[in-house]
Amino acid sequence: MSINLNSFVPTSQLRSGNKGLHWTKDSTSTASLTGSGLANGLTVTVLYFPSKSPNPTIKWTGTTYNFNPATTSCDVDLDEKLDNDGPAHTDYDTSVTVSVTATDGTTTSNTIEPTIITAS
């Protein structure tokens, strides 16, 4: 079965009150995904690449849960895995573009690149 991502929306509340992802190492954030072929147990990877860098400086990974029977939406808890100073070297909200993929171990989804808010 193919996995197709349409949207990625962070649902964690940041200190500012905005919804986004926490970038501090070992922090946990939540998000919702929409698309097709979504199921519980998919591995989701979210990466932030600084401009002109081939390597990500922030990496969130997690496993999907709470999918709907139509397989068009699910939620994911994401843990940040890399030591980093944030995308703008600030604790305040920063808008960044990230890459998001999902896999079941055999099939990998398309990559989407939403702009989201991050903070420590």
PDB file of N, CA and C in Angstrom:
ATOM      1  N   MET A   1       0.852  -1.186   0.000  1.00  0.00           N
ATOM      2  CA  MET A   1       0.000   0.000   0.000  1.00  0.00           C
ATOM      3  C   MET A   1       0.890   1.238   0.000  1.00  0.00           C
ATOM      4  N   SER A   2       0.540   2.236  -0.773  1.00  0.00           N
ATOM      5  CA  SER A   2       1.337   3.464  -0.810  1.00  0.00           C
ATOM      6  C   SER A   2       0.942   4.398   0.327  1.00  0.00           C
ATOM      7  N   ILE A   3       1.912   5.211   0.719  1.00  0.00           N
ATOM      8  CA  ILE A   3       1.714   6.212   1.769  1.00  0.00           C
ATOM      9  C   ILE A   3       1.909   7.574   1.115  1.00  0.00           C
ATOM     10  N   ASN A   4       0.912   8.426   1.216  1.00  0.00           N
ATOM     11  CA  ASN A   4       0.987   9.747   0.613  1.00  0.00           C
ATOM     12  C   ASN A   4       0.668  10.804   1.666  1.00  0.00           C
ATOM     13  N   LEU A   5       1.597  11.710   1.896  1.00  0.00           N
ATOM     14  CA  LEU A   5       1.379  12.786   2.863  1.00  0.00           C
ATOM     15  C   LEU A   5       0.864  14.030   2.156  1.00  0.00           C
ATOM     16  N   ASN A   6      -0.161  14.659   2.748  1.00  0.00           N
ATOM     17  CA  ASN A   6      -0.686  15.927   2.240  1.00  0.00           C
ATOM     18  C   ASN A   6      -0.343  17.091   3.157  1.00  0.00           C
ATOM     19  N   SER A   7      -0.448  16.856   4.483  1.00  0.00           N
ATOM     20  CA  SER A   7      -0.178  17.959   5.414  1.00  0.00           C
ATOM     21  C   SER A   7       0.411  17.442   6.712  1.00  0.00           C
ATOM     22  N   PHE A   8       1.146  18.320   7.367  1.00  0.00           N
ATOM     23  CA  PHE A   8       1.763  18.070   8.663  1.00  0.00           C
ATOM     24  C   PHE A   8       1.508  19.313   9.497  1.00  0.00           C
ATOM     25  N   VAL A   9       0.815  19.141  10.635  1.00  0.00           N
ATOM     26  CA  VAL A   9       0.449  20.289  11.467  1.00  0.00           C
ATOM     27  C   VAL A   9       0.868  20.025  12.910  1.00  0.00           C
ATOM     28  N   PRO A  10       1.855  20.779  13.425  1.00  0.00           N
ATOM     29  CA  PRO A  10       2.226  20.621  14.835  1.00  0.00           C
ATOM     30  C   PRO A  10       1.051  20.980  15.745  1.00  0.00           C
ATOM     31  N   THR A  11       0.907  20.230  16.839  1.00  0.00           N
ATOM     32  CA  THR A  11      -0.185  20.472  17.779  1.00  0.00           C
ATOM     33  C   THR A  11       0.311  20.757  19.187  1.00  0.00           C
ATOM     34  N   SER A  12       1.635  20.763  19.399  1.00  0.00           N
ATOM     35  CA  SER A  12       2.180  21.091  20.723  1.00  0.00           C
ATOM     36  C   SER A  12       2.100  22.585  20.956  1.00  0.00           C
ATOM     37  N   GLN A  13       1.761  22.966  22.182  1.00  0.00           N
ATOM     38  CA  GLN A  13       1.720  24.382  22.507  1.00  0.00           C
ATOM     39  C   GLN A  13       3.091  24.829  22.996  1.00  0.00           C
ATOM     40  N   LEU A  14       3.620  25.873  22.373  1.00  0.00           N
ATOM     41  CA  LEU A  14       4.894  26.461  22.771  1.00  0.00           C
ATOM     42  C   LEU A  14       4.651  27.486  23.878  1.00  0.00           C
ATOM     43  N   ARG A  15       5.722  27.952  24.502  1.00  0.00           N
ATOM     44  CA  ARG A  15       5.576  28.932  25.592  1.00  0.00           C
ATOM     45  C   ARG A  15       4.824  30.182  25.158  1.00  0.00           C
ATOM     46  N   SER A  16       4.955  30.531  23.886  1.00  0.00           N
ATOM     47  CA  SER A  16       4.292  31.726  23.351  1.00  0.00           C
ATOM     48  C   SER A  16       2.786  31.530  23.207  1.00  0.00           C
ATOM     49  N   GLY A  17       2.335  30.275  23.284  1.00  0.00           N
ATOM     50  CA  GLY A  17       0.936  29.972  23.035  1.00  0.00           C
ATOM     51  C   GLY A  17       0.686  29.485  21.619  1.00  0.00           C
ATOM     52  N   ASN A  18       1.667  29.676  20.728  1.00  0.00           N
ATOM     53  CA  ASN A  18       1.550  29.179  19.354  1.00  0.00           C
ATOM     54  C   ASN A  18       1.738  27.671  19.324  1.00  0.00           C
ATOM     55  N   LYS A  19       1.248  27.042  18.272  1.00  0.00           N
ATOM     56  CA  LYS A  19       1.463  25.611  18.049  1.00  0.00           C
ATOM     57  C   LYS A  19       2.747  25.429  17.250  1.00  0.00           C
ATOM     58  N   GLY A  20       3.560  24.456  17.648  1.00  0.00           N
ATOM     59  CA  GLY A  20       4.818  24.211  16.940  1.00  0.00           C
ATOM     60  C   GLY A  20       5.527  23.000  17.503  1.00  0.00           C
ATOM     61  N   LEU A  21       6.794  22.834  17.108  1.00  0.00           N
ATOM     62  CA  LEU A  21       7.629  21.742  17.604  1.00  0.00           C
ATOM     63  C   LEU A  21       8.719  22.299  18.502  1.00  0.00           C
ATOM     64  N   HIS A  22       8.986  21.598  19.593  1.00  0.00           N
ATOM     65  CA  HIS A  22      10.086  21.959  20.501  1.00  0.00           C
ATOM     66  C   HIS A  22      11.387  21.416  19.925  1.00  0.00           C
ATOM     67  N   TRP A  23      12.437  22.256  19.826  1.00  0.00           N
ATOM     68  CA  TRP A  23      13.681  21.804  19.220  1.00  0.00           C
ATOM     69  C   TRP A  23      14.741  21.362  20.224  1.00  0.00           C
ATOM     70  N   THR A  24      14.509  21.486  21.502  1.00  0.00           N
ATOM     71  CA  THR A  24      15.493  21.075  22.500  1.00  0.00           C
ATOM     72  C   THR A  24      15.678  19.554  22.445  1.00  0.00           C
ATOM     73  N   LYS A  25      16.940  19.084  22.503  1.00  0.00           N
ATOM     74  CA  LYS A  25      17.213  17.643  22.451  1.00  0.00           C
ATOM     75  C   LYS A  25      16.407  16.901  23.513  1.00  0.00           C
ATOM     76  N   ASP A  26      15.857  15.768  23.133  1.00  0.00           N
ATOM     77  CA  ASP A  26      15.058  14.887  23.981  1.00  0.00           C
ATOM     78  C   ASP A  26      13.683  15.451  24.334  1.00  0.00           C
ATOM     79  N   SER A  27      13.293  16.579  23.734  1.00  0.00           N
ATOM     80  CA  SER A  27      11.946  17.099  23.961  1.00  0.00           C
ATOM     81  C   SER A  27      10.956  16.309  23.118  1.00  0.00           C
ATOM     82  N   THR A  28       9.699  16.311  23.534  1.00  0.00           N
ATOM     83  CA  THR A  28       8.643  15.626  22.795  1.00  0.00           C
ATOM     84  C   THR A  28       7.619  16.638  22.313  1.00  0.00           C
ATOM     85  N   SER A  29       7.205  16.481  21.076  1.00  0.00           N
ATOM     86  CA  SER A  29       6.178  17.324  20.469  1.00  0.00           C
ATOM     87  C   SER A  29       5.146  16.418  19.811  1.00  0.00           C
ATOM     88  N   THR A  30       3.988  16.988  19.508  1.00  0.00           N
ATOM     89  CA  THR A  30       2.937  16.231  18.828  1.00  0.00           C
ATOM     90  C   THR A  30       2.546  16.938  17.534  1.00  0.00           C
ATOM     91  N   ALA A  31       2.015  16.148  16.606  1.00  0.00           N
ATOM     92  CA  ALA A  31       1.564  16.709  15.331  1.00  0.00           C
ATOM     93  C   ALA A  31       0.491  15.812  14.751  1.00  0.00           C
ATOM     94  N   SER A  32      -0.223  16.352  13.770  1.00  0.00           N
ATOM     95  CA  SER A  32      -1.220  15.592  13.017  1.00  0.00           C
ATOM     96  C   SER A  32      -0.785  15.521  11.562  1.00  0.00           C
ATOM     97  N   LEU A  33      -1.062  14.393  10.937  1.00  0.00           N
ATOM     98  CA  LEU A  33      -0.775  14.182   9.524  1.00  0.00           C
ATOM     99  C   LEU A  33      -2.075  13.906   8.781  1.00  0.00           C
ATOM    100  N   THR A  34      -2.159  14.377   7.540  1.00  0.00           N
ATOM    101  CA  THR A  34      -3.241  13.959   6.656  1.00  0.00           C
ATOM    102  C   THR A  34      -2.620  13.441   5.372  1.00  0.00           C
ATOM    103  N   GLY A  35      -3.372  12.588   4.690  1.00  0.00           N
ATOM    104  CA  GLY A  35      -2.896  12.023   3.436  1.00  0.00           C
ATOM    105  C   GLY A  35      -3.694  10.786   3.108  1.00  0.00           C
ATOM    106  N   SER A  36      -3.021   9.763   2.585  1.00  0.00           N
ATOM    107  CA  SER A  36      -3.665   8.484   2.304  1.00  0.00           C
ATOM    108  C   SER A  36      -2.702   7.361   2.654  1.00  0.00           C
ATOM    109  N   GLY A  37      -3.262   6.207   2.961  1.00  0.00           N
ATOM    110  CA  GLY A  37      -2.452   5.068   3.352  1.00  0.00           C
ATOM    111  C   GLY A  37      -1.844   5.201   4.732  1.00  0.00           C
ATOM    112  N   LEU A  38      -2.401   6.095   5.560  1.00  0.00           N
ATOM    113  CA  LEU A  38      -1.865   6.314   6.902  1.00  0.00           C
ATOM    114  C   LEU A  38      -2.382   5.234   7.845  1.00  0.00           C
ATOM    115  N   ALA A  39      -1.545   4.840   8.801  1.00  0.00           N
ATOM    116  CA  ALA A  39      -1.885   3.766   9.725  1.00  0.00           C
ATOM    117  C   ALA A  39      -1.143   3.970  11.030  1.00  0.00           C
ATOM    118  N   ASN A  40      -1.537   3.253  12.043  1.00  0.00           N
ATOM    119  CA  ASN A  40      -0.771   3.232  13.283  1.00  0.00           C
ATOM    120  C   ASN A  40       0.564   2.537  13.020  1.00  0.00           C
ATOM    121  N   GLY A  41       1.608   2.995  13.703  1.00  0.00           N
ATOM    122  CA  GLY A  41       2.903   2.329  13.631  1.00  0.00           C
ATOM    123  C   GLY A  41       3.833   2.794  12.535  1.00  0.00           C
ATOM    124  N   LEU A  42       3.457   3.810  11.762  1.00  0.00           N
ATOM    125  CA  LEU A  42       4.383   4.360  10.769  1.00  0.00           C
ATOM    126  C   LEU A  42       5.467   5.156  11.486  1.00  0.00           C
ATOM    127  N   THR A  43       6.675   5.117  10.977  1.00  0.00           N
ATOM    128  CA  THR A  43       7.759   5.937  11.509  1.00  0.00           C
ATOM    129  C   THR A  43       7.795   7.250  10.735  1.00  0.00           C
ATOM    130  N   VAL A  44       7.688   8.350  11.462  1.00  0.00           N
ATOM    131  CA  VAL A  44       7.701   9.681  10.857  1.00  0.00           C
ATOM    132  C   VAL A  44       9.027  10.348  11.200  1.00  0.00           C
ATOM    133  N   THR A  45       9.652  10.954  10.189  1.00  0.00           N
ATOM    134  CA  THR A  45      10.899  11.699  10.387  1.00  0.00           C
ATOM    135  C   THR A  45      10.689  13.119   9.891  1.00  0.00           C
ATOM    136  N   VAL A  46      11.057  14.069  10.744  1.00  0.00           N
ATOM    137  CA  VAL A  46      10.967  15.490  10.412  1.00  0.00           C
ATOM    138  C   VAL A  46      12.376  16.062  10.555  1.00  0.00           C
ATOM    139  N   LEU A  47      12.879  16.688   9.497  1.00  0.00           N
ATOM    140  CA  LEU A  47      14.245  17.215   9.496  1.00  0.00           C
ATOM    141  C   LEU A  47      14.248  18.708   9.191  1.00  0.00           C
ATOM    142  N   TYR A  48      15.152  19.415   9.882  1.00  0.00           N
ATOM    143  CA  TYR A  48      15.408  20.824   9.576  1.00  0.00           C
ATOM    144  C   TYR A  48      16.835  20.945   9.074  1.00  0.00           C
ATOM    145  N   PHE A  49      16.981  21.470   7.861  1.00  0.00           N
ATOM    146  CA  PHE A  49      18.287  21.712   7.262  1.00  0.00           C
ATOM    147  C   PHE A  49      18.543  23.206   7.230  1.00  0.00           C
ATOM    148  N   PRO A  50      19.621  23.687   7.871  1.00  0.00           N
ATOM    149  CA  PRO A  50      19.953  25.113   7.726  1.00  0.00           C
ATOM    150  C   PRO A  50      20.261  25.407   6.250  1.00  0.00           C
ATOM    151  N   SER A  51      20.100  26.648   5.851  1.00  0.00           N
ATOM    152  CA  SER A  51      20.339  26.985   4.451  1.00  0.00           C
ATOM    153  C   SER A  51      21.755  26.588   4.049  1.00  0.00           C
ATOM    154  N   LYS A  52      21.851  26.026   2.860  1.00  0.00           N
ATOM    155  CA  LYS A  52      23.120  25.616   2.249  1.00  0.00           C
ATOM    156  C   LYS A  52      23.831  24.500   2.992  1.00  0.00           C
ATOM    157  N   SER A  53      23.131  23.769   3.851  1.00  0.00           N
ATOM    158  CA  SER A  53      23.754  22.656   4.561  1.00  0.00           C
ATOM    159  C   SER A  53      23.158  21.339   4.074  1.00  0.00           C
ATOM    160  N   PRO A  54      24.009  20.343   3.809  1.00  0.00           N
ATOM    161  CA  PRO A  54      23.487  19.040   3.402  1.00  0.00           C
ATOM    162  C   PRO A  54      23.061  18.173   4.589  1.00  0.00           C
ATOM    163  N   ASN A  55      23.360  18.637   5.805  1.00  0.00           N
ATOM    164  CA  ASN A  55      23.069  17.856   7.006  1.00  0.00           C
ATOM    165  C   ASN A  55      22.029  18.531   7.884  1.00  0.00           C
ATOM    166  N   PRO A  56      21.074  17.769   8.395  1.00  0.00           N
ATOM    167  CA  PRO A  56      20.078  18.370   9.285  1.00  0.00           C
ATOM    168  C   PRO A  56      20.695  18.716  10.636  1.00  0.00           C
ATOM    169  N   THR A  57      20.208  19.794  11.241  1.00  0.00           N
ATOM    170  CA  THR A  57      20.664  20.136  12.590  1.00  0.00           C
ATOM    171  C   THR A  57      19.605  19.832  13.637  1.00  0.00           C
ATOM    172  N   ILE A  58      18.367  19.619  13.192  1.00  0.00           N
ATOM    173  CA  ILE A  58      17.297  19.227  14.102  1.00  0.00           C
ATOM    174  C   ILE A  58      16.589  18.037  13.467  1.00  0.00           C
ATOM    175  N   LYS A  59      16.354  16.991  14.275  1.00  0.00           N
ATOM    176  CA  LYS A  59      15.708  15.777  13.768  1.00  0.00           C
ATOM    177  C   LYS A  59      14.700  15.282  14.788  1.00  0.00           C
ATOM    178  N   TRP A  60      13.446  15.241  14.360  1.00  0.00           N
ATOM    179  CA  TRP A  60      12.389  14.678  15.192  1.00  0.00           C
ATOM    180  C   TRP A  60      11.969  13.349  14.578  1.00  0.00           C
ATOM    181  N   THR A  61      11.742  12.339  15.408  1.00  0.00           N
ATOM    182  CA  THR A  61      11.208  11.071  14.918  1.00  0.00           C
ATOM    183  C   THR A  61      10.132  10.577  15.871  1.00  0.00           C
ATOM    184  N   GLY A  62       9.203   9.814  15.334  1.00  0.00           N
ATOM    185  CA  GLY A  62       8.146   9.262  16.167  1.00  0.00           C
ATOM    186  C   GLY A  62       7.312   8.266  15.405  1.00  0.00           C
ATOM    187  N   THR A  63       6.330   7.704  16.089  1.00  0.00           N
ATOM    188  CA  THR A  63       5.473   6.667  15.538  1.00  0.00           C
ATOM    189  C   THR A  63       4.024   7.133  15.562  1.00  0.00           C
ATOM    190  N   THR A  64       3.322   6.875  14.479  1.00  0.00           N
ATOM    191  CA  THR A  64       1.926   7.311  14.357  1.00  0.00           C
ATOM    192  C   THR A  64       0.988   6.466  15.214  1.00  0.00           C
ATOM    193  N   TYR A  65      -0.123   7.089  15.573  1.00  0.00           N
ATOM    194  CA  TYR A  65      -1.194   6.434  16.325  1.00  0.00           C
ATOM    195  C   TYR A  65      -2.499   7.171  16.021  1.00  0.00           C
ATOM    196  N   ASN A  66      -3.596   6.641  16.491  1.00  0.00           N
ATOM    197  CA  ASN A  66      -4.896   7.311  16.389  1.00  0.00           C
ATOM    198  C   ASN A  66      -5.309   7.576  14.942  1.00  0.00           C
ATOM    199  N   PHE A  67      -5.036   6.608  14.035  1.00  0.00           N
ATOM    200  CA  PHE A  67      -5.436   6.817  12.646  1.00  0.00           C
ATOM    201  C   PHE A  67      -6.936   6.626  12.503  1.00  0.00           C
ATOM    202  N   ASN A  68      -7.508   7.256  11.478  1.00  0.00           N
ATOM    203  CA  ASN A  68      -8.944   7.090  11.240  1.00  0.00           C
ATOM    204  C   ASN A  68      -9.167   5.908  10.289  1.00  0.00           C
ATOM    205  N   PRO A  69     -10.353   5.297  10.311  1.00  0.00           N
ATOM    206  CA  PRO A  69     -10.611   4.116   9.470  1.00  0.00           C
ATOM    207  C   PRO A  69     -10.421   4.363   7.970  1.00  0.00           C
ATOM    208  N   ALA A  70     -10.565   5.584   7.526  1.00  0.00           N
ATOM    209  CA  ALA A  70     -10.370   5.896   6.109  1.00  0.00           C
ATOM    210  C   ALA A  70      -8.884   6.000   5.751  1.00  0.00           C
ATOM    211  N   THR A  71      -8.002   5.875   6.740  1.00  0.00           N
ATOM    212  CA  THR A  71      -6.532   5.967   6.618  1.00  0.00           C
ATOM    213  C   THR A  71      -6.080   7.304   6.032  1.00  0.00           C
ATOM    214  N   THR A  72      -6.817   8.382   6.364  1.00  0.00           N
ATOM    215  CA  THR A  72      -6.484   9.699   5.824  1.00  0.00           C
ATOM    216  C   THR A  72      -5.941  10.667   6.862  1.00  0.00           C
ATOM    217  N   SER A  73      -5.895  10.261   8.136  1.00  0.00           N
ATOM    218  CA  SER A  73      -5.320  11.133   9.162  1.00  0.00           C
ATOM    219  C   SER A  73      -4.811  10.297  10.326  1.00  0.00           C
ATOM    220  N   CYS A  74      -3.826  10.851  11.030  1.00  0.00           N
ATOM    221  CA  CYS A  74      -3.297  10.210  12.230  1.00  0.00           C
ATOM    222  C   CYS A  74      -2.508  11.254  13.020  1.00  0.00           C
ATOM    223  N   ASP A  75      -2.116  10.870  14.210  1.00  0.00           N
ATOM    224  CA  ASP A  75      -1.311  11.721  15.076  1.00  0.00           C
ATOM    225  C   ASP A  75       0.052  11.078  15.260  1.00  0.00           C
ATOM    226  N   VAL A  76       1.028  11.880  15.687  1.00  0.00           N
ATOM    227  CA  VAL A  76       2.369  11.362  15.938  1.00  0.00           C
ATOM    228  C   VAL A  76       2.996  12.119  17.102  1.00  0.00           C
ATOM    229  N   ASP A  77       3.648  11.373  17.996  1.00  0.00           N
ATOM    230  CA  ASP A  77       4.490  11.955  19.047  1.00  0.00           C
ATOM    231  C   ASP A  77       5.911  11.955  18.506  1.00  0.00           C
ATOM    232  N   LEU A  78       6.570  13.100  18.542  1.00  0.00           N
ATOM    233  CA  LEU A  78       7.901  13.249  17.961  1.00  0.00           C
ATOM    234  C   LEU A  78       8.922  13.594  19.040  1.00  0.00           C
ATOM    235  N   ASP A  79      10.038  12.887  19.038  1.00  0.00           N
ATOM    236  CA  ASP A  79      11.145  13.179  19.949  1.00  0.00           C
ATOM    237  C   ASP A  79      12.280  13.797  19.153  1.00  0.00           C
ATOM    238  N   GLU A  80      12.855  14.883  19.688  1.00  0.00           N
ATOM    239  CA  GLU A  80      13.986  15.535  19.026  1.00  0.00           C
ATOM    240  C   GLU A  80      15.244  14.767  19.409  1.00  0.00           C
ATOM    241  N   LYS A  81      16.081  14.416  18.419  1.00  0.00           N
ATOM    242  CA  LYS A  81      17.193  13.492  18.624  1.00  0.00           C
ATOM    243  C   LYS A  81      18.591  14.105  18.595  1.00  0.00           C
ATOM    244  N   LEU A  82      18.757  15.332  18.132  1.00  0.00           N
ATOM    245  CA  LEU A  82      20.095  15.892  17.939  1.00  0.00           C
ATOM    246  C   LEU A  82      20.387  17.041  18.901  1.00  0.00           C
ATOM    247  N   ASP A  83      21.641  17.128  19.370  1.00  0.00           N
ATOM    248  CA  ASP A  83      22.082  18.322  20.095  1.00  0.00           C
ATOM    249  C   ASP A  83      22.045  19.482  19.111  1.00  0.00           C
ATOM    250  N   ASN A  84      21.478  20.610  19.506  1.00  0.00           N
ATOM    251  CA  ASN A  84      21.402  21.743  18.589  1.00  0.00           C
ATOM    252  C   ASN A  84      21.144  23.024  19.360  1.00  0.00           C
ATOM    253  N   ASP A  85      21.344  24.143  18.680  1.00  0.00           N
ATOM    254  CA  ASP A  85      21.109  25.461  19.276  1.00  0.00           C
ATOM    255  C   ASP A  85      19.864  26.117  18.711  1.00  0.00           C
ATOM    256  N   GLY A  86      19.018  25.333  18.106  1.00  0.00           N
ATOM    257  CA  GLY A  86      17.816  25.882  17.499  1.00  0.00           C
ATOM    258  C   GLY A  86      18.109  26.422  16.114  1.00  0.00           C
ATOM    259  N   PRO A  87      17.083  26.644  15.351  1.00  0.00           N
ATOM    260  CA  PRO A  87      17.276  27.086  13.969  1.00  0.00           C
ATOM    261  C   PRO A  87      17.803  28.502  13.847  1.00  0.00           C
ATOM    262  N   ALA A  88      17.509  29.350  14.815  1.00  0.00           N
ATOM    263  CA  ALA A  88      17.958  30.744  14.730  1.00  0.00           C
ATOM    264  C   ALA A  88      18.788  31.123  15.948  1.00  0.00           C
ATOM    265  N   HIS A  89      19.259  30.110  16.682  1.00  0.00           N
ATOM    266  CA  HIS A  89      20.043  30.346  17.894  1.00  0.00           C
ATOM    267  C   HIS A  89      19.294  31.243  18.877  1.00  0.00           C
ATOM    268  N   THR A  90      17.996  30.992  18.996  1.00  0.00           N
ATOM    269  CA  THR A  90      17.150  31.742  19.912  1.00  0.00           C
ATOM    270  C   THR A  90      16.126  30.804  20.525  1.00  0.00           C
ATOM    271  N   ASP A  91      15.661  31.121  21.704  1.00  0.00           N
ATOM    272  CA  ASP A  91      14.624  30.329  22.354  1.00  0.00           C
ATOM    273  C   ASP A  91      13.230  30.726  21.879  1.00  0.00           C
ATOM    274  N   TYR A  92      13.129  31.822  21.125  1.00  0.00           N
ATOM    275  CA  TYR A  92      11.837  32.341  20.720  1.00  0.00           C
ATOM    276  C   TYR A  92      11.321  31.638  19.472  1.00  0.00           C
ATOM    277  N   ASP A  93      10.038  31.803  19.206  1.00  0.00           N
ATOM    278  CA  ASP A  93       9.422  31.186  18.036  1.00  0.00           C
ATOM    279  C   ASP A  93      10.161  31.586  16.758  1.00  0.00           C
ATOM    280  N   THR A  94      10.421  30.576  15.933  1.00  0.00           N
ATOM    281  CA  THR A  94      11.069  30.794  14.648  1.00  0.00           C
ATOM    282  C   THR A  94      10.331  29.965  13.603  1.00  0.00           C
ATOM    283  N   SER A  95       9.994  30.578  12.472  1.00  0.00           N
ATOM    284  CA  SER A  95       9.378  29.834  11.373  1.00  0.00           C
ATOM    285  C   SER A  95      10.465  29.192  10.538  1.00  0.00           C
ATOM    286  N   VAL A  96      10.314  27.898  10.284  1.00  0.00           N
ATOM    287  CA  VAL A  96      11.292  27.157   9.495  1.00  0.00           C
ATOM    288  C   VAL A  96      10.554  26.225   8.539  1.00  0.00           C
ATOM    289  N   THR A  97      11.217  25.869   7.455  1.00  0.00           N
ATOM    290  CA  THR A  97      10.706  24.855   6.554  1.00  0.00           C
ATOM    291  C   THR A  97      11.391  23.539   6.884  1.00  0.00           C
ATOM    292  N   VAL A  98      10.610  22.499   7.040  1.00  0.00           N
ATOM    293  CA  VAL A  98      11.128  21.179   7.393  1.00  0.00           C
ATOM    294  C   VAL A  98      10.736  20.176   6.310  1.00  0.00           C
ATOM    295  N   SER A  99      11.415  19.037   6.295  1.00  0.00           N
ATOM    296  CA  SER A  99      11.001  17.943   5.411  1.00  0.00           C
ATOM    297  C   SER A  99      10.373  16.855   6.270  1.00  0.00           C
ATOM    298  N   VAL A 100       9.283  16.281   5.794  1.00  0.00           N
ATOM    299  CA  VAL A 100       8.534  15.277   6.550  1.00  0.00           C
ATOM    300  C   VAL A 100       8.326  14.049   5.665  1.00  0.00           C
ATOM    301  N   THR A 101       8.674  12.873   6.199  1.00  0.00           N
ATOM    302  CA  THR A 101       8.405  11.609   5.521  1.00  0.00           C
ATOM    303  C   THR A 101       7.838  10.611   6.525  1.00  0.00           C
ATOM    304  N   ALA A 102       7.180   9.585   6.005  1.00  0.00           N
ATOM    305  CA  ALA A 102       6.659   8.489   6.827  1.00  0.00           C
ATOM    306  C   ALA A 102       6.990   7.178   6.130  1.00  0.00           C
ATOM    307  N   THR A 103       7.249   6.136   6.917  1.00  0.00           N
ATOM    308  CA  THR A 103       7.551   4.831   6.345  1.00  0.00           C
ATOM    309  C   THR A 103       6.980   3.722   7.209  1.00  0.00           C
ATOM    310  N   ASP A 104       6.653   2.606   6.559  1.00  0.00           N
ATOM    311  CA  ASP A 104       6.227   1.418   7.301  1.00  0.00           C
ATOM    312  C   ASP A 104       7.356   0.394   7.356  1.00  0.00           C
ATOM    313  N   GLY A 105       8.547   0.777   6.925  1.00  0.00           N
ATOM    314  CA  GLY A 105       9.698  -0.110   6.901  1.00  0.00           C
ATOM    315  C   GLY A 105       9.935  -0.699   5.524  1.00  0.00           C
ATOM    316  N   THR A 106       8.909  -0.696   4.700  1.00  0.00           N
ATOM    317  CA  THR A 106       9.015  -1.207   3.331  1.00  0.00           C
ATOM    318  C   THR A 106       8.765  -0.094   2.327  1.00  0.00           C
ATOM    319  N   THR A 107       7.725   0.676   2.570  1.00  0.00           N
ATOM    320  CA  THR A 107       7.317   1.761   1.672  1.00  0.00           C
ATOM    321  C   THR A 107       7.542   3.092   2.361  1.00  0.00           C
ATOM    322  N   THR A 108       8.135   4.041   1.642  1.00  0.00           N
ATOM    323  CA  THR A 108       8.343   5.392   2.165  1.00  0.00           C
ATOM    324  C   THR A 108       7.444   6.353   1.414  1.00  0.00           C
ATOM    325  N   SER A 109       6.866   7.276   2.151  1.00  0.00           N
ATOM    326  CA  SER A 109       5.957   8.265   1.560  1.00  0.00           C
ATOM    327  C   SER A 109       6.710   9.265   0.700  1.00  0.00           C
ATOM    328  N   ASN A 110       5.935  10.092   0.041  1.00  0.00           N
ATOM    329  CA  ASN A 110       6.476  11.302  -0.567  1.00  0.00           C
ATOM    330  C   ASN A 110       7.002  12.197   0.548  1.00  0.00           C
ATOM    331  N   THR A 111       7.840  13.151   0.207  1.00  0.00           N
ATOM    332  CA  THR A 111       8.344  14.135   1.165  1.00  0.00           C
ATOM    333  C   THR A 111       7.551  15.418   1.001  1.00  0.00           C
ATOM    334  N   ILE A 112       7.058  15.952   2.114  1.00  0.00           N
ATOM    335  CA  ILE A 112       6.423  17.272   2.075  1.00  0.00           C
ATOM    336  C   ILE A 112       7.299  18.237   2.841  1.00  0.00           C
ATOM    337  N   GLU A 113       7.204  19.522   2.527  1.00  0.00           N
ATOM    338  CA  GLU A 113       8.062  20.548   3.145  1.00  0.00           C
ATOM    339  C   GLU A 113       7.237  21.708   3.666  1.00  0.00           C
ATOM    340  N   PRO A 114       6.531  21.491   4.773  1.00  0.00           N
ATOM    341  CA  PRO A 114       5.740  22.580   5.346  1.00  0.00           C
ATOM    342  C   PRO A 114       6.611  23.578   6.113  1.00  0.00           C
ATOM    343  N   THR A 115       6.118  24.784   6.240  1.00  0.00           N
ATOM    344  CA  THR A 115       6.741  25.776   7.111  1.00  0.00           C
ATOM    345  C   THR A 115       6.000  25.725   8.438  1.00  0.00           C
ATOM    346  N   ILE A 116       6.767  25.552   9.518  1.00  0.00           N
ATOM    347  CA  ILE A 116       6.197  25.399  10.854  1.00  0.00           C
ATOM    348  C   ILE A 116       6.902  26.350  11.813  1.00  0.00           C
ATOM    349  N   ILE A 117       6.403  26.427  13.038  1.00  0.00           N
ATOM    350  CA  ILE A 117       7.041  27.218  14.082  1.00  0.00           C
ATOM    351  C   ILE A 117       7.786  26.268  15.018  1.00  0.00           C
ATOM    352  N   THR A 118       8.990  26.658  15.417  1.00  0.00           N
ATOM    353  CA  THR A 118       9.754  25.903  16.404  1.00  0.00           C
ATOM    354  C   THR A 118      10.176  26.848  17.523  1.00  0.00           C
ATOM    355  N   ALA A 119      10.425  26.279  18.691  1.00  0.00           N
ATOM    356  CA  ALA A 119      10.964  27.026  19.819  1.00  0.00           C
ATOM    357  C   ALA A 119      11.548  26.014  20.790  1.00  0.00           C
ATOM    358  N   SER A 120      12.340  26.514  21.755  1.00  0.00           N
ATOM    359  CA  SER A 120      12.955  25.593  22.723  1.00  0.00           C
ATOM    360  C   SER A 120      11.924  25.027  23.667  1.00  0.00           C
TER     361      SER A 120
END
